[in-house]
């Protein structure tokens, strides 16, 4: 008998559906949906969908770098004062850069051993709560958090169809008067709406 081929592990990650979120009358930011689909033993959930903003990606890279000093991490898209949330080209370039960053990160076995990475891509916990969970200062474990705080409204990646919490204030906030892709703060907490529109992204 011919032995069955071993199933090859895969991790599919998509960064998509950028949306403008208003912070107040003058400031707004963009967050992105992170979709994960995998059969890897490294992941507690095989499919998940959360929303993150650019500042949170910056935090993640800093934490991963400090915990894996000998690894040269991939770069994030450059932060630029000329980034315009109302410019679809700017937005899509940043979205692509964030997706490429995560694709490279999630292929590194050493980085995959960091619980912060898993909490980042599979829960809506903000960075402060992620640190508390990893440090054992929460009533829930990392695995509990991933089961409890992951978005349950999942969408599988269909490239041909429309591709289609945190309150850290500052560096990626910006003014925007456009209504394109806006959604209220009520939609932020557990992000992952079933939109099929490709909208702008954050600075």
N, C-alpha and C. Protein backbone atom coordinates (compact mmCIF):
# COMPACT_ATOMS: atom_id res chain seq x y z
N UNK A 1 0.84 -1.20 0.00
CA UNK A 1 0.00 0.00 0.00
C UNK A 1 0.87 1.25 0.00
N UNK A 2 0.42 2.23 -0.73
CA UNK A 2 1.17 3.48 -0.75
C UNK A 2 0.83 4.32 0.47
N UNK A 3 1.83 4.72 1.25
CA UNK A 3 1.54 5.53 2.43
C UNK A 3 0.93 6.86 2.03
N UNK A 4 -0.02 7.29 2.82
CA UNK A 4 -0.67 8.58 2.53
C UNK A 4 0.32 9.70 2.76
N UNK A 5 0.23 10.70 1.92
CA UNK A 5 1.10 11.86 2.08
C UNK A 5 0.75 12.57 3.38
N UNK A 6 1.78 12.98 4.09
CA UNK A 6 1.53 13.74 5.31
C UNK A 6 0.93 15.09 4.92
N UNK A 7 -0.02 15.51 5.75
CA UNK A 7 -0.63 16.81 5.50
C UNK A 7 0.38 17.90 5.78
N UNK A 8 0.56 18.77 4.81
CA UNK A 8 1.50 19.86 4.99
C UNK A 8 0.81 20.99 5.75
N UNK A 9 1.54 21.52 6.74
CA UNK A 9 0.97 22.61 7.53
C UNK A 9 0.97 23.90 6.73
N UNK A 10 -0.04 24.71 6.93
CA UNK A 10 -0.10 26.00 6.26
C UNK A 10 -0.69 27.04 7.21
N UNK A 11 -0.34 28.27 6.96
CA UNK A 11 -0.94 29.40 7.66
C UNK A 11 -1.30 30.44 6.61
N UNK A 12 -2.58 30.70 6.45
CA UNK A 12 -3.04 31.75 5.54
C UNK A 12 -3.39 32.97 6.39
N UNK A 13 -2.80 34.09 6.06
CA UNK A 13 -3.13 35.33 6.77
C UNK A 13 -3.46 36.42 5.74
N UNK A 14 -4.57 37.08 5.95
CA UNK A 14 -4.98 38.18 5.10
C UNK A 14 -5.20 39.42 5.96
N UNK A 15 -4.70 40.53 5.49
CA UNK A 15 -5.02 41.82 6.12
C UNK A 15 -5.90 42.54 5.11
N UNK A 16 -7.11 42.91 5.52
CA UNK A 16 -8.08 43.40 4.55
C UNK A 16 -9.11 44.32 5.21
N UNK A 17 -10.04 44.79 4.43
CA UNK A 17 -11.17 45.59 4.90
C UNK A 17 -10.77 46.74 5.82
N UNK A 18 -9.89 47.65 5.36
CA UNK A 18 -9.54 48.80 6.20
C UNK A 18 -10.75 49.70 6.41
N UNK A 19 -10.91 50.18 7.63
CA UNK A 19 -12.06 51.03 7.95
C UNK A 19 -11.62 52.23 8.77
N UNK A 20 -12.18 53.38 8.44
CA UNK A 20 -11.90 54.58 9.22
C UNK A 20 -12.76 54.57 10.48
N UNK A 21 -12.15 54.82 11.62
CA UNK A 21 -12.86 54.91 12.90
C UNK A 21 -12.68 56.31 13.47
N UNK A 22 -13.76 56.97 13.75
CA UNK A 22 -13.70 58.32 14.32
C UNK A 22 -13.39 58.24 15.80
N UNK A 23 -12.43 59.05 16.25
CA UNK A 23 -12.12 59.13 17.68
C UNK A 23 -12.84 60.30 18.32
N UNK A 24 -12.89 61.41 17.61
CA UNK A 24 -13.64 62.59 18.04
C UNK A 24 -13.92 63.42 16.80
N UNK A 25 -14.31 64.66 16.99
CA UNK A 25 -14.70 65.49 15.84
C UNK A 25 -13.56 65.73 14.86
N UNK A 26 -12.31 65.69 15.36
CA UNK A 26 -11.17 66.06 14.54
C UNK A 26 -10.26 64.89 14.18
N UNK A 27 -10.31 63.83 14.96
CA UNK A 27 -9.33 62.75 14.78
C UNK A 27 -10.00 61.44 14.39
N UNK A 28 -9.28 60.70 13.59
CA UNK A 28 -9.74 59.37 13.20
C UNK A 28 -8.52 58.49 12.96
N UNK A 29 -8.74 57.19 12.91
CA UNK A 29 -7.66 56.27 12.55
C UNK A 29 -8.28 55.16 11.71
N UNK A 30 -7.43 54.33 11.16
CA UNK A 30 -7.91 53.21 10.36
C UNK A 30 -7.52 51.91 11.06
N UNK A 31 -8.44 50.96 11.07
CA UNK A 31 -8.05 49.63 11.53
C UNK A 31 -8.30 48.62 10.42
N UNK A 32 -7.70 47.44 10.55
CA UNK A 32 -7.71 46.42 9.50
C UNK A 32 -8.16 45.09 10.08
N UNK A 33 -8.79 44.33 9.25
CA UNK A 33 -9.19 42.99 9.65
C UNK A 33 -8.04 42.02 9.40
N UNK A 34 -7.69 41.24 10.40
CA UNK A 34 -6.68 40.18 10.25
C UNK A 34 -7.41 38.85 10.24
N UNK A 35 -7.35 38.17 9.11
CA UNK A 35 -7.99 36.87 8.97
C UNK A 35 -6.91 35.79 8.99
N UNK A 36 -7.10 34.79 9.84
CA UNK A 36 -6.17 33.64 9.92
C UNK A 36 -6.93 32.36 9.63
N UNK A 37 -6.36 31.54 8.76
CA UNK A 37 -6.87 30.19 8.52
C UNK A 37 -5.66 29.27 8.45
N UNK A 38 -5.65 28.23 9.29
CA UNK A 38 -4.45 27.40 9.40
C UNK A 38 -4.81 25.98 9.86
N UNK A 39 -3.91 25.06 9.61
CA UNK A 39 -4.02 23.73 10.20
C UNK A 39 -2.82 23.47 11.11
N UNK A 40 -2.07 24.53 11.42
CA UNK A 40 -0.86 24.38 12.21
C UNK A 40 -1.17 24.05 13.67
N UNK A 41 -0.37 23.15 14.22
CA UNK A 41 -0.52 22.77 15.63
C UNK A 41 -0.18 23.93 16.56
N UNK A 42 0.49 24.94 16.03
CA UNK A 42 0.90 26.07 16.86
C UNK A 42 -0.27 26.96 17.27
N UNK A 43 -1.39 26.84 16.55
CA UNK A 43 -2.51 27.75 16.78
C UNK A 43 -3.64 27.08 17.55
N UNK A 44 -4.16 27.79 18.54
CA UNK A 44 -5.27 27.29 19.33
C UNK A 44 -6.54 27.25 18.49
N UNK A 45 -6.79 28.32 17.75
CA UNK A 45 -7.94 28.35 16.84
C UNK A 45 -7.43 28.21 15.42
N UNK A 46 -8.13 27.46 14.62
CA UNK A 46 -7.69 27.25 13.24
C UNK A 46 -8.20 28.34 12.31
N UNK A 47 -9.23 29.05 12.73
CA UNK A 47 -9.75 30.16 11.94
C UNK A 47 -10.11 31.29 12.90
N UNK A 48 -9.67 32.48 12.59
CA UNK A 48 -9.99 33.61 13.46
C UNK A 48 -10.00 34.89 12.65
N UNK A 49 -10.58 35.92 13.24
CA UNK A 49 -10.75 37.18 12.54
C UNK A 49 -10.84 38.30 13.58
N UNK A 50 -9.87 39.19 13.57
CA UNK A 50 -9.85 40.30 14.53
C UNK A 50 -9.51 41.59 13.79
N UNK A 51 -9.63 42.72 14.47
CA UNK A 51 -9.28 44.00 13.85
C UNK A 51 -8.18 44.67 14.66
N UNK A 52 -7.20 45.25 13.94
CA UNK A 52 -6.07 45.94 14.58
C UNK A 52 -5.76 47.23 13.84
N UNK A 53 -5.21 48.19 14.57
CA UNK A 53 -4.78 49.43 13.95
C UNK A 53 -3.26 49.46 13.84
N UNK A 54 -2.75 50.39 13.04
CA UNK A 54 -1.32 50.42 12.74
C UNK A 54 -0.47 50.51 14.01
N UNK A 55 -0.89 51.34 14.96
CA UNK A 55 -0.11 51.50 16.18
C UNK A 55 0.09 50.18 16.92
N UNK A 56 -0.90 49.32 16.85
CA UNK A 56 -0.80 48.02 17.51
C UNK A 56 0.24 47.12 16.80
N UNK A 57 0.32 47.24 15.48
CA UNK A 57 1.36 46.51 14.75
C UNK A 57 2.75 46.97 15.20
N UNK A 58 2.88 48.28 15.39
CA UNK A 58 4.17 48.83 15.85
C UNK A 58 4.52 48.25 17.22
N UNK A 59 3.54 48.22 18.10
CA UNK A 59 3.75 47.63 19.44
C UNK A 59 4.17 46.17 19.32
N UNK A 60 3.49 45.39 18.48
CA UNK A 60 3.81 43.97 18.33
C UNK A 60 5.25 43.78 17.87
N UNK A 61 5.65 44.53 16.87
CA UNK A 61 7.01 44.38 16.35
C UNK A 61 8.05 44.69 17.44
N UNK A 62 7.80 45.73 18.20
CA UNK A 62 8.73 46.10 19.28
C UNK A 62 8.84 44.99 20.32
N UNK A 63 7.71 44.41 20.69
CA UNK A 63 7.71 43.35 21.71
C UNK A 63 8.38 42.08 21.17
N UNK A 64 8.08 41.72 19.95
CA UNK A 64 8.70 40.52 19.37
C UNK A 64 10.21 40.71 19.25
N UNK A 65 10.63 41.93 18.85
CA UNK A 65 12.06 42.18 18.69
C UNK A 65 12.79 42.12 20.02
N UNK A 66 12.16 42.65 21.07
CA UNK A 66 12.82 42.64 22.38
C UNK A 66 12.92 41.23 22.95
N UNK A 67 12.01 40.34 22.54
CA UNK A 67 12.04 38.97 23.04
C UNK A 67 12.82 38.02 22.14
N UNK A 68 13.21 38.49 20.98
CA UNK A 68 14.00 37.67 20.05
C UNK A 68 15.07 38.56 19.44
N UNK A 69 15.96 39.02 20.28
CA UNK A 69 16.94 40.04 19.88
C UNK A 69 17.84 39.59 18.72
N UNK A 70 18.07 38.29 18.58
CA UNK A 70 18.99 37.81 17.54
C UNK A 70 18.33 37.66 16.17
N UNK A 71 17.00 37.83 16.13
CA UNK A 71 16.28 37.69 14.86
C UNK A 71 16.07 39.06 14.25
N UNK A 72 16.33 39.16 12.94
CA UNK A 72 16.05 40.40 12.23
C UNK A 72 14.61 40.36 11.75
N UNK A 73 13.75 41.10 12.41
CA UNK A 73 12.34 41.10 12.05
C UNK A 73 12.10 41.89 10.76
N UNK A 74 11.10 41.49 10.00
CA UNK A 74 10.73 42.28 8.80
C UNK A 74 10.25 43.66 9.22
N UNK A 75 10.36 44.60 8.32
CA UNK A 75 9.94 45.97 8.62
C UNK A 75 8.44 46.14 8.38
N UNK A 76 7.88 47.08 9.11
CA UNK A 76 6.51 47.51 8.86
C UNK A 76 6.53 48.57 7.76
N UNK A 77 5.38 48.83 7.16
CA UNK A 77 5.33 49.94 6.20
C UNK A 77 5.78 51.22 6.90
N UNK A 78 6.50 52.06 6.20
CA UNK A 78 7.04 53.28 6.80
C UNK A 78 5.92 54.21 7.25
N UNK A 79 6.11 54.79 8.42
CA UNK A 79 5.17 55.80 8.89
C UNK A 79 5.52 57.11 8.19
N UNK A 80 4.54 57.74 7.59
CA UNK A 80 4.83 58.96 6.84
C UNK A 80 3.82 60.05 7.18
N UNK A 81 4.30 61.29 7.32
CA UNK A 81 3.39 62.40 7.63
C UNK A 81 2.45 62.71 6.46
N UNK A 82 2.78 62.17 5.28
CA UNK A 82 1.96 62.45 4.10
C UNK A 82 0.90 61.37 3.85
N UNK A 83 0.80 60.40 4.77
CA UNK A 83 -0.19 59.35 4.61
C UNK A 83 -1.59 59.96 4.67
N UNK A 84 -2.42 59.59 3.72
CA UNK A 84 -3.76 60.16 3.62
C UNK A 84 -4.79 59.04 3.68
N UNK A 85 -5.61 59.05 4.71
CA UNK A 85 -6.62 58.00 4.87
C UNK A 85 -7.65 58.00 3.75
N UNK A 86 -7.76 59.12 3.04
CA UNK A 86 -8.74 59.22 1.97
C UNK A 86 -8.15 58.88 0.60
N UNK A 87 -6.88 58.47 0.59
CA UNK A 87 -6.22 58.10 -0.66
C UNK A 87 -6.17 56.57 -0.76
N UNK A 88 -6.99 55.97 -1.63
CA UNK A 88 -7.05 54.51 -1.71
C UNK A 88 -5.70 53.86 -1.99
N UNK A 89 -4.84 54.55 -2.75
CA UNK A 89 -3.53 53.97 -3.05
C UNK A 89 -2.65 53.91 -1.80
N UNK A 90 -2.63 55.00 -1.02
CA UNK A 90 -1.88 55.01 0.23
C UNK A 90 -2.37 53.89 1.15
N UNK A 91 -3.67 53.79 1.24
CA UNK A 91 -4.29 52.82 2.14
C UNK A 91 -3.95 51.40 1.72
N UNK A 92 -4.04 51.11 0.44
CA UNK A 92 -3.80 49.74 0.00
C UNK A 92 -2.32 49.37 0.09
N UNK A 93 -1.44 50.33 -0.13
CA UNK A 93 -0.01 50.05 0.03
C UNK A 93 0.30 49.67 1.48
N UNK A 94 -0.31 50.39 2.41
CA UNK A 94 -0.07 50.06 3.82
C UNK A 94 -0.68 48.71 4.17
N UNK A 95 -1.87 48.44 3.68
CA UNK A 95 -2.50 47.15 3.93
C UNK A 95 -1.61 46.00 3.44
N UNK A 96 -1.09 46.14 2.22
CA UNK A 96 -0.22 45.11 1.67
C UNK A 96 1.04 44.94 2.53
N UNK A 97 1.61 46.07 2.99
CA UNK A 97 2.80 46.00 3.82
C UNK A 97 2.55 45.29 5.14
N UNK A 98 1.40 45.54 5.74
CA UNK A 98 1.05 44.87 7.00
C UNK A 98 0.83 43.38 6.78
N UNK A 99 0.22 43.03 5.65
CA UNK A 99 0.01 41.61 5.36
C UNK A 99 1.34 40.90 5.14
N UNK A 100 2.24 41.52 4.39
CA UNK A 100 3.56 40.91 4.16
C UNK A 100 4.33 40.75 5.47
N UNK A 101 4.21 41.74 6.35
CA UNK A 101 4.85 41.66 7.66
C UNK A 101 4.36 40.44 8.44
N UNK A 102 3.04 40.27 8.51
CA UNK A 102 2.50 39.13 9.26
C UNK A 102 2.83 37.80 8.59
N UNK A 103 2.81 37.77 7.26
CA UNK A 103 3.13 36.52 6.56
C UNK A 103 4.53 36.04 6.92
N UNK A 104 5.48 36.96 6.99
CA UNK A 104 6.86 36.59 7.34
C UNK A 104 6.98 36.21 8.81
N UNK A 105 6.32 36.97 9.66
CA UNK A 105 6.37 36.70 11.10
C UNK A 105 5.82 35.31 11.42
N UNK A 106 4.71 34.96 10.78
CA UNK A 106 4.02 33.71 11.09
C UNK A 106 4.71 32.49 10.49
N UNK A 107 5.78 32.70 9.75
CA UNK A 107 6.54 31.57 9.22
C UNK A 107 7.80 31.28 10.05
N UNK A 108 8.00 32.07 11.10
CA UNK A 108 9.20 31.89 11.92
C UNK A 108 8.85 31.10 13.18
N UNK A 109 9.34 29.87 13.33
CA UNK A 109 8.99 29.03 14.48
C UNK A 109 9.31 29.67 15.83
N UNK A 110 10.42 30.40 15.89
CA UNK A 110 10.78 31.03 17.16
C UNK A 110 9.77 32.11 17.55
N UNK A 111 9.38 32.92 16.59
CA UNK A 111 8.41 33.98 16.87
C UNK A 111 7.04 33.39 17.19
N UNK A 112 6.72 32.25 16.58
CA UNK A 112 5.44 31.60 16.84
C UNK A 112 5.33 31.07 18.27
N UNK A 113 6.45 30.99 18.96
CA UNK A 113 6.42 30.53 20.35
C UNK A 113 6.07 31.66 21.31
N UNK A 114 5.96 32.88 20.79
CA UNK A 114 5.63 34.04 21.64
C UNK A 114 4.11 34.18 21.73
N UNK A 115 3.59 34.07 22.95
CA UNK A 115 2.14 34.14 23.14
C UNK A 115 1.56 35.48 22.74
N UNK A 116 2.37 36.53 22.80
CA UNK A 116 1.86 37.86 22.40
C UNK A 116 1.39 37.85 20.95
N UNK A 117 2.14 37.16 20.11
CA UNK A 117 1.79 37.10 18.69
C UNK A 117 0.43 36.44 18.52
N UNK A 118 0.19 35.33 19.22
CA UNK A 118 -1.07 34.62 19.10
C UNK A 118 -2.24 35.45 19.63
N UNK A 119 -2.02 36.13 20.74
CA UNK A 119 -3.07 36.98 21.30
C UNK A 119 -3.35 38.17 20.38
N UNK A 120 -2.32 38.64 19.70
CA UNK A 120 -2.48 39.77 18.78
C UNK A 120 -3.34 39.39 17.58
N UNK A 121 -3.07 38.23 16.98
CA UNK A 121 -3.76 37.87 15.73
C UNK A 121 -5.05 37.09 15.97
N UNK A 122 -5.30 36.65 17.22
CA UNK A 122 -6.49 35.83 17.44
C UNK A 122 -7.40 36.31 18.56
N UNK A 123 -7.14 37.50 19.11
CA UNK A 123 -8.06 38.08 20.09
C UNK A 123 -8.18 39.58 19.86
N UNK A 124 -9.18 40.17 20.49
CA UNK A 124 -9.35 41.62 20.44
C UNK A 124 -8.76 42.30 21.68
N UNK A 125 -7.97 41.58 22.47
CA UNK A 125 -7.34 42.20 23.64
C UNK A 125 -6.40 43.31 23.19
N UNK A 126 -6.40 44.42 23.94
CA UNK A 126 -5.46 45.48 23.61
C UNK A 126 -4.07 45.14 24.15
N UNK A 127 -3.03 45.85 23.71
CA UNK A 127 -1.66 45.52 24.13
C UNK A 127 -1.46 45.42 25.64
N UNK A 128 -2.09 46.31 26.39
CA UNK A 128 -1.94 46.28 27.85
C UNK A 128 -2.49 44.98 28.41
N UNK A 129 -3.66 44.54 27.92
CA UNK A 129 -4.26 43.30 28.39
C UNK A 129 -3.50 42.07 27.89
N UNK A 130 -2.92 42.18 26.70
CA UNK A 130 -2.08 41.08 26.20
C UNK A 130 -0.89 40.87 27.14
N UNK A 131 -0.23 41.96 27.51
CA UNK A 131 0.92 41.85 28.43
C UNK A 131 0.49 41.25 29.77
N UNK A 132 -0.66 41.68 30.27
CA UNK A 132 -1.15 41.17 31.55
C UNK A 132 -1.43 39.67 31.47
N UNK A 133 -2.02 39.25 30.34
CA UNK A 133 -2.34 37.83 30.16
C UNK A 133 -1.07 36.99 30.07
N UNK A 134 -0.11 37.45 29.26
CA UNK A 134 1.15 36.72 29.09
C UNK A 134 1.91 36.63 30.41
N UNK A 135 1.80 37.67 31.25
CA UNK A 135 2.51 37.71 32.52
C UNK A 135 1.77 36.95 33.62
N UNK A 136 0.61 36.39 33.31
CA UNK A 136 -0.14 35.63 34.30
C UNK A 136 -0.91 36.49 35.28
N UNK A 137 -1.19 37.74 34.91
CA UNK A 137 -1.89 38.66 35.80
C UNK A 137 -3.38 38.75 35.49
N UNK A 138 -3.90 37.81 34.74
CA UNK A 138 -5.33 37.79 34.43
C UNK A 138 -5.93 36.48 34.92
N UNK A 139 -7.24 36.47 35.07
CA UNK A 139 -7.90 35.25 35.54
C UNK A 139 -8.02 34.21 34.42
N UNK A 140 -7.72 34.63 33.19
CA UNK A 140 -7.78 33.71 32.06
C UNK A 140 -6.38 33.45 31.52
N UNK A 141 -6.17 32.25 31.01
CA UNK A 141 -4.89 31.89 30.40
C UNK A 141 -4.87 32.38 28.95
N UNK A 142 -3.72 32.22 28.30
CA UNK A 142 -3.60 32.60 26.89
C UNK A 142 -4.61 31.80 26.05
N UNK A 143 -4.70 30.51 26.30
CA UNK A 143 -5.62 29.66 25.54
C UNK A 143 -7.07 30.07 25.80
N UNK A 144 -7.39 30.37 27.08
CA UNK A 144 -8.75 30.83 27.41
C UNK A 144 -9.07 32.11 26.65
N UNK A 145 -8.09 33.02 26.65
CA UNK A 145 -8.29 34.32 26.00
C UNK A 145 -8.58 34.15 24.52
N UNK A 146 -7.86 33.25 23.87
CA UNK A 146 -8.06 33.04 22.44
C UNK A 146 -9.45 32.47 22.16
N UNK A 147 -9.93 31.61 23.04
CA UNK A 147 -11.28 31.07 22.85
C UNK A 147 -12.35 32.09 23.19
N UNK A 148 -12.09 32.91 24.20
CA UNK A 148 -13.11 33.84 24.67
C UNK A 148 -13.17 35.15 23.90
N UNK A 149 -12.02 35.66 23.47
CA UNK A 149 -11.96 37.00 22.91
C UNK A 149 -11.76 37.05 21.41
N UNK A 150 -11.79 35.91 20.74
CA UNK A 150 -11.70 35.91 19.28
C UNK A 150 -13.07 36.25 18.71
N UNK A 151 -13.06 36.90 17.56
CA UNK A 151 -14.32 37.22 16.89
C UNK A 151 -14.94 35.95 16.35
N UNK A 152 -16.24 35.81 16.51
CA UNK A 152 -16.89 34.58 16.08
C UNK A 152 -17.51 34.67 14.69
N UNK A 153 -17.66 35.88 14.18
CA UNK A 153 -18.25 36.04 12.84
C UNK A 153 -17.13 35.95 11.80
N UNK A 154 -16.83 34.75 11.36
CA UNK A 154 -15.67 34.54 10.50
C UNK A 154 -16.05 34.53 9.02
N UNK A 155 -15.14 35.03 8.23
CA UNK A 155 -15.33 35.01 6.78
C UNK A 155 -14.12 34.35 6.14
N UNK A 156 -14.35 33.40 5.28
CA UNK A 156 -13.23 32.75 4.61
C UNK A 156 -12.75 33.60 3.45
N UNK A 157 -11.46 33.48 3.12
CA UNK A 157 -10.90 34.32 2.07
C UNK A 157 -11.36 33.90 0.69
N UNK A 158 -12.16 34.71 0.04
CA UNK A 158 -12.56 34.45 -1.33
C UNK A 158 -12.02 35.60 -2.15
N UNK A 159 -10.90 35.37 -2.79
CA UNK A 159 -10.18 36.46 -3.45
C UNK A 159 -11.03 37.13 -4.53
N UNK A 160 -11.90 36.37 -5.21
CA UNK A 160 -12.63 36.94 -6.33
C UNK A 160 -13.81 37.79 -5.89
N UNK A 161 -14.32 37.46 -4.69
CA UNK A 161 -15.41 38.27 -4.18
C UNK A 161 -14.80 39.49 -3.50
N UNK A 162 -15.66 40.36 -2.98
CA UNK A 162 -15.12 41.53 -2.32
C UNK A 162 -14.25 41.13 -1.16
N UNK A 163 -13.00 41.70 -1.06
CA UNK A 163 -12.15 41.32 0.05
C UNK A 163 -12.56 42.07 1.23
N UNK A 164 -12.82 41.17 0.47
CA UNK A 164 -13.16 41.61 1.50
C UNK A 164 -13.05 40.10 1.77
N UNK A 165 -9.31 46.98 19.89
CA UNK A 165 -9.92 47.63 20.96
C UNK A 165 -8.92 48.44 21.61
N UNK A 166 -8.92 48.48 21.36
CA UNK A 166 -7.83 49.21 21.93
C UNK A 166 -8.09 50.69 21.96
N UNK A 167 -7.59 51.37 23.03
CA UNK A 167 -7.77 52.80 23.12
C UNK A 167 -6.46 53.50 23.29
N UNK A 168 -5.41 52.97 22.75
CA UNK A 168 -4.14 53.65 22.82
C UNK A 168 -4.29 54.90 21.97
N UNK A 169 -4.05 56.08 22.56
CA UNK A 169 -4.29 57.26 21.77
C UNK A 169 -2.97 57.75 21.22
N UNK A 170 -2.77 58.31 20.20
CA UNK A 170 -1.70 59.11 19.70
C UNK A 170 -1.25 58.82 18.31
N UNK A 171 0.01 58.33 18.25
CA UNK A 171 0.81 58.42 17.04
C UNK A 171 0.13 58.08 15.75
N UNK A 172 -0.86 57.23 15.72
CA UNK A 172 -1.44 56.97 14.41
C UNK A 172 -2.78 57.65 14.23
N UNK A 173 -3.14 58.53 15.16
CA UNK A 173 -4.38 59.28 15.01
C UNK A 173 -4.18 60.36 13.96
N UNK A 174 -5.26 60.78 13.33
CA UNK A 174 -5.14 61.86 12.37
C UNK A 174 -6.50 62.41 12.05
N UNK A 175 -6.48 63.58 11.44
CA UNK A 175 -7.74 64.21 11.08
C UNK A 175 -8.27 63.63 9.79
N UNK A 176 -9.58 63.55 9.71
CA UNK A 176 -10.20 63.09 8.47
C UNK A 176 -11.64 63.54 8.46
N UNK A 177 -12.06 64.12 7.36
CA UNK A 177 -13.44 64.58 7.28
C UNK A 177 -14.26 63.73 6.33
N UNK A 178 -13.61 62.72 5.73
CA UNK A 178 -14.33 61.90 4.75
C UNK A 178 -15.25 60.91 5.44
N UNK A 179 -16.34 60.57 4.78
CA UNK A 179 -17.25 59.57 5.32
C UNK A 179 -16.91 58.19 4.82
N UNK A 180 -15.89 58.05 4.00
CA UNK A 180 -15.55 56.78 3.37
C UNK A 180 -15.13 55.75 4.41
N UNK A 181 -15.90 54.67 4.49
CA UNK A 181 -15.51 53.58 5.38
C UNK A 181 -15.66 53.87 6.85
N UNK A 182 -16.39 54.90 7.23
CA UNK A 182 -16.54 55.21 8.65
C UNK A 182 -17.46 54.22 9.32
N UNK A 183 -17.17 53.96 10.59
CA UNK A 183 -18.09 53.16 11.40
C UNK A 183 -18.00 53.67 12.82
N UNK A 184 -19.04 53.44 13.59
CA UNK A 184 -19.08 54.00 14.94
C UNK A 184 -18.22 53.20 15.89
N UNK A 185 -17.93 53.77 17.06
CA UNK A 185 -17.09 53.10 18.06
C UNK A 185 -17.73 51.81 18.55
N UNK A 186 -19.04 51.71 18.44
CA UNK A 186 -19.71 50.49 18.89
C UNK A 186 -19.26 49.29 18.09
N UNK A 187 -18.75 49.50 16.89
CA UNK A 187 -18.33 48.39 16.04
C UNK A 187 -16.89 47.99 16.28
N UNK A 188 -16.17 48.72 17.10
CA UNK A 188 -14.74 48.47 17.25
C UNK A 188 -14.47 47.27 18.15
N UNK A 189 -15.18 47.18 19.25
CA UNK A 189 -14.85 46.21 20.28
C UNK A 189 -14.62 44.81 19.76
N UNK A 190 -15.56 44.28 19.02
CA UNK A 190 -15.38 42.92 18.52
C UNK A 190 -15.40 42.87 17.02
N UNK A 191 -14.83 43.86 16.43
CA UNK A 191 -14.60 44.05 15.04
C UNK A 191 -15.07 43.09 14.01
N UNK A 192 -14.63 42.51 13.11
CA UNK A 192 -15.03 41.50 12.16
C UNK A 192 -16.45 41.56 11.66
N UNK A 193 -16.78 42.58 10.98
CA UNK A 193 -18.09 42.67 10.35
C UNK A 193 -18.01 41.99 8.98
N UNK A 194 -19.14 41.53 8.50
CA UNK A 194 -19.12 40.81 7.23
C UNK A 194 -19.18 41.72 6.03
N UNK A 195 -18.38 42.76 5.99
CA UNK A 195 -18.41 43.68 4.86
C UNK A 195 -17.71 43.09 3.66
N UNK A 196 -18.16 43.45 2.48
CA UNK A 196 -17.45 42.99 1.28
C UNK A 196 -16.81 44.16 0.56
N UNK A 197 -16.75 45.32 1.22
CA UNK A 197 -16.13 46.47 0.59
C UNK A 197 -14.67 46.57 0.98
N UNK A 198 -13.86 47.00 0.05
CA UNK A 198 -12.47 47.29 0.37
C UNK A 198 -12.36 48.79 0.60
N UNK A 199 -12.13 49.17 1.84
CA UNK A 199 -12.12 50.57 2.23
C UNK A 199 -10.72 50.98 2.63
N UNK A 200 -10.48 52.27 2.97
CA UNK A 200 -9.16 52.75 3.33
C UNK A 200 -8.59 52.25 4.63
N UNK A 201 -7.35 52.57 4.87
CA UNK A 201 -6.63 52.11 6.05
C UNK A 201 -5.99 53.21 6.85
N UNK A 202 -5.30 52.85 7.96
CA UNK A 202 -4.82 53.85 8.89
C UNK A 202 -3.37 54.22 8.79
N UNK A 203 -3.02 55.38 9.33
CA UNK A 203 -1.64 55.84 9.29
C UNK A 203 -0.80 55.13 10.29
